[in-house]
Amino acid sequence: MNKEFENTSTEDLEKLALKIKNELEKRQNKNLSNKVLINLYQEMIKVCPEKNKLNKGSWTKLVSSVDRSKTNGYSLRGKFINYSNKKEYYKKGSIFVDCVITGSRNYPVKTYRLFYLDENGTIRLLMQDDTPDYAINFWDTIEQLLNKN
């Protein structure tokens, strides 16, 4: 028994537990108000059907910032997202960069795409690039979106 509550009646504890439960639900709903539950992989396929043909090495990153001291993909700061076929919550205004590798093992073709999760919860393809400078080419757009949010 917790000494802090030993003199509290069961009825009062039940009332307190209900108040705590209600408060937690309010906070959780508030945190979800700016998020949308989507299957990111499936939504990206709707926009770019070729994404369905993934080769080993393809990836997606949720971008949080740009580091202009680097001039490659490491300049796009954020976390990598596992390819999964399940729904997850993502914040509206999220920015994603993905790399789709097609072609053959001997002749891979890398295509980089910049996606945006708009305020309606729809994934939008903003840019596509197949050059080694893709990250630099995405910088300005990413920074504009980050400043908007």
N, C-alpha and C. Protein backbone atom coordinates (compact mmCIF):
# COMPACT_ATOMS: atom_id res chain seq x y z
N MET A 1 0.84 -1.18 0.00
CA MET A 1 0.00 0.00 0.00
C MET A 1 0.89 1.24 0.00
N ASN A 2 0.50 2.23 -0.76
CA ASN A 2 1.23 3.48 -0.84
C ASN A 2 0.83 4.36 0.35
N LYS A 3 1.81 4.77 1.13
CA LYS A 3 1.54 5.55 2.35
C LYS A 3 0.84 6.86 2.04
N GLU A 4 1.10 7.41 0.87
CA GLU A 4 0.49 8.69 0.50
C GLU A 4 -1.03 8.58 0.42
N PHE A 5 -1.52 7.40 0.09
CA PHE A 5 -2.96 7.21 -0.09
C PHE A 5 -3.61 6.33 0.98
N GLU A 6 -2.89 5.94 2.02
CA GLU A 6 -3.44 4.99 2.98
C GLU A 6 -4.66 5.53 3.73
N ASN A 7 -4.79 6.83 3.87
CA ASN A 7 -5.94 7.41 4.57
C ASN A 7 -7.03 7.87 3.60
N THR A 8 -6.85 7.61 2.31
CA THR A 8 -7.83 8.01 1.31
C THR A 8 -8.80 6.86 1.07
N SER A 9 -10.07 7.18 1.00
CA SER A 9 -11.08 6.14 0.81
C SER A 9 -11.00 5.58 -0.61
N THR A 10 -11.52 4.40 -0.77
CA THR A 10 -11.56 3.76 -2.08
C THR A 10 -12.38 4.61 -3.04
N GLU A 11 -13.49 5.16 -2.55
CA GLU A 11 -14.35 6.00 -3.38
C GLU A 11 -13.58 7.23 -3.88
N ASP A 12 -12.82 7.87 -3.01
CA ASP A 12 -12.04 9.04 -3.41
C ASP A 12 -10.94 8.67 -4.39
N LEU A 13 -10.33 7.51 -4.19
CA LEU A 13 -9.30 7.04 -5.13
C LEU A 13 -9.90 6.79 -6.51
N GLU A 14 -11.10 6.20 -6.55
CA GLU A 14 -11.76 5.93 -7.83
C GLU A 14 -12.09 7.24 -8.54
N LYS A 15 -12.55 8.26 -7.80
CA LYS A 15 -12.83 9.57 -8.39
C LYS A 15 -11.55 10.20 -8.94
N LEU A 16 -10.48 10.09 -8.17
CA LEU A 16 -9.19 10.63 -8.61
C LEU A 16 -8.69 9.90 -9.86
N ALA A 17 -8.84 8.59 -9.87
CA ALA A 17 -8.42 7.81 -11.04
C ALA A 17 -9.19 8.22 -12.28
N LEU A 18 -10.50 8.48 -12.14
CA LEU A 18 -11.32 8.89 -13.27
C LEU A 18 -10.88 10.27 -13.77
N LYS A 19 -10.60 11.19 -12.85
CA LYS A 19 -10.12 12.52 -13.24
C LYS A 19 -8.79 12.42 -13.99
N ILE A 20 -7.91 11.58 -13.51
CA ILE A 20 -6.60 11.40 -14.16
C ILE A 20 -6.79 10.80 -15.55
N LYS A 21 -7.66 9.81 -15.66
CA LYS A 21 -7.93 9.18 -16.96
C LYS A 21 -8.46 10.21 -17.95
N ASN A 22 -9.41 11.02 -17.53
CA ASN A 22 -9.99 12.05 -18.41
C ASN A 22 -8.94 13.08 -18.83
N GLU A 23 -8.10 13.48 -17.89
CA GLU A 23 -7.05 14.45 -18.21
C GLU A 23 -6.06 13.87 -19.22
N LEU A 24 -5.68 12.61 -19.05
CA LEU A 24 -4.77 11.97 -19.99
C LEU A 24 -5.37 11.88 -21.38
N GLU A 25 -6.66 11.54 -21.46
CA GLU A 25 -7.32 11.46 -22.76
C GLU A 25 -7.34 12.83 -23.45
N LYS A 26 -7.62 13.89 -22.69
CA LYS A 26 -7.61 15.24 -23.27
C LYS A 26 -6.24 15.58 -23.82
N ARG A 27 -5.20 15.27 -23.06
CA ARG A 27 -3.84 15.58 -23.51
C ARG A 27 -3.46 14.77 -24.73
N GLN A 28 -3.84 13.50 -24.75
CA GLN A 28 -3.51 12.67 -25.91
C GLN A 28 -4.25 13.16 -27.15
N ASN A 29 -5.51 13.53 -27.00
CA ASN A 29 -6.27 14.05 -28.15
C ASN A 29 -5.70 15.36 -28.64
N LYS A 30 -5.25 16.21 -27.71
CA LYS A 30 -4.63 17.48 -28.10
C LYS A 30 -3.36 17.22 -28.90
N ASN A 31 -2.56 16.23 -28.47
CA ASN A 31 -1.33 15.90 -29.18
C ASN A 31 -1.60 15.32 -30.56
N LEU A 32 -2.76 14.70 -30.76
CA LEU A 32 -3.08 14.08 -32.05
C LEU A 32 -3.80 15.03 -32.99
N SER A 33 -4.18 16.22 -32.53
CA SER A 33 -4.97 17.12 -33.35
C SER A 33 -4.20 17.60 -34.59
N ASN A 34 -2.88 17.61 -34.53
CA ASN A 34 -2.08 18.06 -35.66
C ASN A 34 -1.41 16.88 -36.38
N LYS A 35 -1.93 15.68 -36.12
CA LYS A 35 -1.34 14.49 -36.74
C LYS A 35 -2.39 13.77 -37.56
N VAL A 36 -1.91 12.96 -38.46
CA VAL A 36 -2.79 12.17 -39.29
C VAL A 36 -2.29 10.72 -39.29
N LEU A 37 -3.22 9.79 -39.25
CA LEU A 37 -2.90 8.36 -39.25
C LEU A 37 -2.92 7.88 -40.69
N ILE A 38 -1.74 7.54 -41.22
CA ILE A 38 -1.64 7.10 -42.62
C ILE A 38 -0.66 5.94 -42.74
N ASN A 39 -0.81 5.21 -43.82
CA ASN A 39 0.19 4.23 -44.23
C ASN A 39 1.09 4.98 -45.21
N LEU A 40 2.20 5.49 -44.72
CA LEU A 40 3.07 6.35 -45.51
C LEU A 40 3.51 5.67 -46.80
N TYR A 41 3.91 4.42 -46.70
CA TYR A 41 4.40 3.69 -47.87
C TYR A 41 3.31 3.61 -48.95
N GLN A 42 2.09 3.26 -48.55
CA GLN A 42 1.00 3.15 -49.53
C GLN A 42 0.64 4.51 -50.13
N GLU A 43 0.68 5.56 -49.30
CA GLU A 43 0.38 6.90 -49.81
C GLU A 43 1.43 7.35 -50.81
N MET A 44 2.69 7.02 -50.57
CA MET A 44 3.75 7.37 -51.51
C MET A 44 3.60 6.60 -52.82
N ILE A 45 3.16 5.35 -52.72
CA ILE A 45 2.95 4.55 -53.94
C ILE A 45 1.84 5.16 -54.79
N LYS A 46 0.80 5.70 -54.15
CA LYS A 46 -0.29 6.35 -54.91
C LYS A 46 0.25 7.50 -55.74
N VAL A 47 1.20 8.26 -55.17
CA VAL A 47 1.77 9.41 -55.86
C VAL A 47 2.81 8.97 -56.89
N CYS A 48 3.60 7.97 -56.54
CA CYS A 48 4.69 7.47 -57.40
C CYS A 48 4.61 5.94 -57.46
N PRO A 49 3.87 5.39 -58.39
CA PRO A 49 3.69 3.93 -58.44
C PRO A 49 5.00 3.15 -58.55
N GLU A 50 6.04 3.75 -59.14
CA GLU A 50 7.31 3.04 -59.28
C GLU A 50 7.97 2.77 -57.93
N LYS A 51 7.52 3.44 -56.88
CA LYS A 51 8.07 3.20 -55.53
C LYS A 51 7.74 1.77 -55.09
N ASN A 52 6.74 1.17 -55.70
CA ASN A 52 6.35 -0.19 -55.35
C ASN A 52 7.41 -1.20 -55.77
N LYS A 53 8.35 -0.80 -56.63
CA LYS A 53 9.40 -1.69 -57.13
C LYS A 53 10.71 -1.36 -56.44
N LEU A 54 10.76 -1.61 -55.15
CA LEU A 54 11.95 -1.25 -54.37
C LEU A 54 13.04 -2.30 -54.49
N ASN A 55 14.26 -1.83 -54.60
CA ASN A 55 15.42 -2.70 -54.51
C ASN A 55 16.08 -2.47 -53.17
N LYS A 56 16.95 -3.37 -52.81
CA LYS A 56 17.68 -3.21 -51.56
C LYS A 56 18.45 -1.89 -51.58
N GLY A 57 18.38 -1.17 -50.48
CA GLY A 57 19.08 0.10 -50.38
C GLY A 57 18.15 1.30 -50.48
N SER A 58 16.89 1.09 -50.87
CA SER A 58 15.94 2.20 -50.90
C SER A 58 15.66 2.66 -49.48
N TRP A 59 15.34 3.94 -49.30
CA TRP A 59 15.12 4.47 -47.95
C TRP A 59 14.20 5.68 -47.97
N THR A 60 13.67 6.02 -46.79
CA THR A 60 12.87 7.23 -46.59
C THR A 60 13.31 7.89 -45.30
N LYS A 61 13.41 9.21 -45.32
CA LYS A 61 13.82 9.96 -44.14
C LYS A 61 12.78 11.04 -43.84
N LEU A 62 12.44 11.18 -42.57
CA LEU A 62 11.60 12.28 -42.08
C LEU A 62 12.55 13.42 -41.76
N VAL A 63 12.50 14.49 -42.54
CA VAL A 63 13.48 15.57 -42.45
C VAL A 63 13.07 16.57 -41.37
N SER A 64 14.03 16.92 -40.50
CA SER A 64 13.75 17.87 -39.42
C SER A 64 14.52 19.19 -39.59
N SER A 65 15.62 19.16 -40.35
CA SER A 65 16.40 20.38 -40.55
C SER A 65 17.38 20.18 -41.70
N VAL A 66 18.03 21.29 -42.07
CA VAL A 66 19.05 21.27 -43.12
C VAL A 66 20.35 21.76 -42.50
N ASP A 67 21.42 21.04 -42.77
CA ASP A 67 22.76 21.43 -42.31
C ASP A 67 23.58 21.79 -43.56
N ARG A 68 23.67 23.07 -43.84
CA ARG A 68 24.35 23.54 -45.06
C ARG A 68 25.86 23.41 -44.99
N SER A 69 26.40 22.95 -43.87
CA SER A 69 27.85 22.74 -43.82
C SER A 69 28.23 21.44 -44.54
N LYS A 70 27.25 20.63 -44.85
CA LYS A 70 27.49 19.40 -45.61
C LYS A 70 26.86 19.56 -46.98
N THR A 71 27.40 18.88 -47.98
CA THR A 71 26.90 19.05 -49.35
C THR A 71 26.40 17.76 -49.95
N ASN A 72 25.98 16.84 -49.10
CA ASN A 72 25.45 15.57 -49.59
C ASN A 72 24.18 15.23 -48.80
N GLY A 73 23.76 14.01 -48.86
CA GLY A 73 22.55 13.59 -48.17
C GLY A 73 22.59 13.78 -46.67
N TYR A 74 23.79 13.82 -46.09
CA TYR A 74 23.91 14.04 -44.65
C TYR A 74 23.48 15.46 -44.25
N SER A 75 23.32 16.33 -45.23
CA SER A 75 22.87 17.69 -44.93
C SER A 75 21.39 17.71 -44.56
N LEU A 76 20.68 16.66 -44.92
CA LEU A 76 19.26 16.56 -44.59
C LEU A 76 19.14 15.79 -43.28
N ARG A 77 18.93 16.53 -42.20
CA ARG A 77 18.90 15.95 -40.86
C ARG A 77 17.51 15.38 -40.58
N GLY A 78 17.47 14.28 -39.85
CA GLY A 78 16.20 13.67 -39.50
C GLY A 78 16.37 12.20 -39.19
N LYS A 79 15.25 11.51 -39.13
CA LYS A 79 15.32 10.08 -38.80
C LYS A 79 14.82 9.25 -39.98
N PHE A 80 15.46 8.12 -40.15
CA PHE A 80 15.04 7.19 -41.19
C PHE A 80 13.78 6.47 -40.74
N ILE A 81 12.92 6.19 -41.70
CA ILE A 81 11.66 5.53 -41.43
C ILE A 81 11.71 4.14 -42.04
N ASN A 82 11.36 3.15 -41.25
CA ASN A 82 11.32 1.78 -41.75
C ASN A 82 10.17 1.60 -42.73
N TYR A 83 10.44 0.87 -43.80
CA TYR A 83 9.35 0.54 -44.72
C TYR A 83 8.45 -0.45 -44.01
N SER A 84 7.23 -0.05 -43.80
CA SER A 84 6.27 -0.96 -43.20
C SER A 84 4.94 -0.75 -43.89
N ASN A 85 4.12 -1.73 -43.80
CA ASN A 85 2.82 -1.65 -44.45
C ASN A 85 1.75 -1.47 -43.39
N LYS A 86 1.99 -0.55 -42.46
CA LYS A 86 1.01 -0.29 -41.41
C LYS A 86 0.83 1.21 -41.24
N LYS A 87 -0.29 1.58 -40.65
CA LYS A 87 -0.58 2.98 -40.42
C LYS A 87 0.16 3.48 -39.18
N GLU A 88 0.63 4.72 -39.28
CA GLU A 88 1.29 5.37 -38.16
C GLU A 88 0.90 6.84 -38.18
N TYR A 89 1.09 7.50 -37.03
CA TYR A 89 0.79 8.92 -36.94
C TYR A 89 1.99 9.74 -37.42
N TYR A 90 1.70 10.72 -38.28
CA TYR A 90 2.70 11.67 -38.72
C TYR A 90 2.12 13.08 -38.58
N LYS A 91 2.97 14.00 -38.21
CA LYS A 91 2.56 15.39 -38.03
C LYS A 91 2.27 16.02 -39.38
N LYS A 92 1.15 16.74 -39.45
CA LYS A 92 0.87 17.50 -40.67
C LYS A 92 2.00 18.49 -40.87
N GLY A 93 2.44 18.65 -42.11
CA GLY A 93 3.58 19.52 -42.39
C GLY A 93 4.90 18.76 -42.42
N SER A 94 4.84 17.43 -42.21
CA SER A 94 6.07 16.64 -42.24
C SER A 94 6.67 16.62 -43.64
N ILE A 95 7.99 16.56 -43.67
CA ILE A 95 8.75 16.56 -44.92
C ILE A 95 9.51 15.24 -44.99
N PHE A 96 9.40 14.58 -46.14
CA PHE A 96 10.06 13.30 -46.33
C PHE A 96 10.92 13.35 -47.58
N VAL A 97 12.09 12.73 -47.51
CA VAL A 97 12.92 12.51 -48.69
C VAL A 97 13.09 11.01 -48.80
N ASP A 98 12.93 10.52 -50.01
CA ASP A 98 13.16 9.09 -50.19
C ASP A 98 14.09 8.86 -51.37
N CYS A 99 14.69 7.70 -51.35
CA CYS A 99 15.55 7.25 -52.44
C CYS A 99 14.99 5.92 -52.91
N VAL A 100 14.64 5.87 -54.17
CA VAL A 100 14.17 4.63 -54.76
C VAL A 100 15.24 4.15 -55.72
N ILE A 101 15.67 2.93 -55.53
CA ILE A 101 16.70 2.35 -56.39
C ILE A 101 16.04 1.35 -57.31
N THR A 102 16.11 1.64 -58.60
CA THR A 102 15.56 0.73 -59.61
C THR A 102 16.71 0.29 -60.50
N GLY A 103 16.40 -0.35 -61.59
CA GLY A 103 17.44 -0.84 -62.48
C GLY A 103 17.94 -2.19 -62.01
N SER A 104 19.13 -2.53 -62.44
CA SER A 104 19.69 -3.84 -62.09
C SER A 104 20.77 -3.67 -61.03
N ARG A 105 21.25 -4.78 -60.54
CA ARG A 105 22.33 -4.75 -59.55
C ARG A 105 23.57 -4.09 -60.12
N ASN A 106 23.86 -4.37 -61.38
CA ASN A 106 25.05 -3.79 -62.01
C ASN A 106 24.83 -2.35 -62.47
N TYR A 107 23.58 -1.98 -62.73
CA TYR A 107 23.27 -0.64 -63.22
C TYR A 107 22.10 -0.04 -62.42
N PRO A 108 22.37 0.24 -61.15
CA PRO A 108 21.29 0.82 -60.34
C PRO A 108 21.00 2.26 -60.75
N VAL A 109 19.74 2.63 -60.63
CA VAL A 109 19.32 4.00 -60.91
C VAL A 109 18.69 4.54 -59.62
N LYS A 110 19.27 5.60 -59.08
CA LYS A 110 18.76 6.20 -57.84
C LYS A 110 17.93 7.43 -58.19
N THR A 111 16.73 7.46 -57.67
CA THR A 111 15.86 8.62 -57.83
C THR A 111 15.48 9.12 -56.44
N TYR A 112 15.69 10.41 -56.22
CA TYR A 112 15.41 11.03 -54.93
C TYR A 112 14.16 11.89 -55.08
N ARG A 113 13.28 11.81 -54.07
CA ARG A 113 12.03 12.56 -54.13
C ARG A 113 11.80 13.30 -52.83
N LEU A 114 11.20 14.46 -52.95
CA LEU A 114 10.83 15.27 -51.79
C LEU A 114 9.31 15.27 -51.68
N PHE A 115 8.82 14.78 -50.55
CA PHE A 115 7.38 14.71 -50.29
C PHE A 115 7.01 15.62 -49.13
N TYR A 116 5.75 16.02 -49.12
CA TYR A 116 5.22 16.89 -48.06
C TYR A 116 3.85 16.37 -47.65
N LEU A 117 3.62 16.27 -46.34
CA LEU A 117 2.32 15.88 -45.81
C LEU A 117 1.56 17.17 -45.53
N ASP A 118 0.60 17.49 -46.38
CA ASP A 118 -0.07 18.79 -46.27
C ASP A 118 -1.08 18.83 -45.13
N GLU A 119 -1.70 20.00 -44.95
CA GLU A 119 -2.62 20.21 -43.82
C GLU A 119 -3.89 19.37 -43.93
N ASN A 120 -4.16 18.81 -45.12
CA ASN A 120 -5.31 17.93 -45.29
C ASN A 120 -4.95 16.46 -45.06
N GLY A 121 -3.67 16.21 -44.77
CA GLY A 121 -3.23 14.84 -44.55
C GLY A 121 -2.93 14.09 -45.83
N THR A 122 -2.65 14.84 -46.91
CA THR A 122 -2.35 14.25 -48.21
C THR A 122 -0.86 14.36 -48.50
N ILE A 123 -0.29 13.28 -48.98
CA ILE A 123 1.12 13.28 -49.39
C ILE A 123 1.24 13.93 -50.76
N ARG A 124 2.14 14.90 -50.88
CA ARG A 124 2.38 15.61 -52.14
C ARG A 124 3.83 15.42 -52.57
N LEU A 125 4.02 15.09 -53.83
CA LEU A 125 5.36 15.03 -54.40
C LEU A 125 5.73 16.44 -54.83
N LEU A 126 6.79 16.99 -54.24
CA LEU A 126 7.19 18.37 -54.55
C LEU A 126 8.32 18.43 -55.57
N MET A 127 9.30 17.54 -55.42
CA MET A 127 10.46 17.58 -56.31
C MET A 127 10.97 16.16 -56.53
N GLN A 128 11.67 15.99 -57.64
CA GLN A 128 12.30 14.71 -57.95
C GLN A 128 13.64 15.02 -58.59
N ASP A 129 14.67 14.23 -58.25
CA ASP A 129 16.01 14.51 -58.74
C ASP A 129 16.77 13.19 -58.83
N ASP A 130 17.56 13.04 -59.84
CA ASP A 130 18.37 11.82 -59.95
C ASP A 130 19.86 12.13 -60.05
N THR A 131 20.23 13.28 -59.48
CA THR A 131 21.64 13.67 -59.49
C THR A 131 22.25 13.53 -58.10
N PRO A 132 23.58 13.47 -58.03
CA PRO A 132 24.23 13.42 -56.72
C PRO A 132 24.00 14.68 -55.88
N ASP A 133 23.58 15.78 -56.52
CA ASP A 133 23.32 17.04 -55.82
C ASP A 133 21.87 17.17 -55.35
N TYR A 134 21.15 16.06 -55.30
CA TYR A 134 19.73 16.12 -54.95
C TYR A 134 19.49 16.88 -53.64
N ALA A 135 20.31 16.63 -52.62
CA ALA A 135 20.09 17.25 -51.31
C ALA A 135 20.19 18.77 -51.41
N ILE A 136 21.23 19.24 -52.08
CA ILE A 136 21.41 20.68 -52.27
C ILE A 136 20.24 21.26 -53.05
N ASN A 137 19.78 20.54 -54.04
CA ASN A 137 18.65 21.01 -54.85
C ASN A 137 17.35 21.07 -54.04
N PHE A 138 17.25 20.29 -52.98
CA PHE A 138 16.05 20.28 -52.13
C PHE A 138 16.11 21.32 -51.00
N TRP A 139 17.29 21.84 -50.68
CA TRP A 139 17.47 22.70 -49.51
C TRP A 139 16.45 23.83 -49.40
N ASP A 140 16.36 24.65 -50.43
CA ASP A 140 15.51 25.85 -50.34
C ASP A 140 14.05 25.48 -50.08
N THR A 141 13.55 24.48 -50.78
CA THR A 141 12.16 24.07 -50.58
C THR A 141 11.95 23.54 -49.18
N ILE A 142 12.88 22.73 -48.70
CA ILE A 142 12.75 22.17 -47.34
C ILE A 142 12.76 23.29 -46.32
N GLU A 143 13.67 24.23 -46.46
CA GLU A 143 13.75 25.33 -45.48
C GLU A 143 12.49 26.20 -45.51
N GLN A 144 11.92 26.43 -46.68
CA GLN A 144 10.67 27.19 -46.76
C GLN A 144 9.56 26.46 -46.02
N LEU A 145 9.49 25.14 -46.20
CA LEU A 145 8.45 24.36 -45.52
C LEU A 145 8.67 24.33 -44.01
N LEU A 146 9.92 24.19 -43.60
CA LEU A 146 10.21 24.18 -42.16
C LEU A 146 9.84 25.52 -41.52
N ASN A 147 10.10 26.61 -42.22
CA ASN A 147 9.76 27.93 -41.69
C ASN A 147 8.26 28.18 -41.67
N LYS A 148 7.55 27.53 -42.58
CA LYS A 148 6.09 27.64 -42.65
C LYS A 148 5.44 26.96 -41.45
N ASN A 149 6.06 25.88 -41.00
CA ASN A 149 5.47 25.09 -39.91
C ASN A 149 5.88 25.68 -38.62
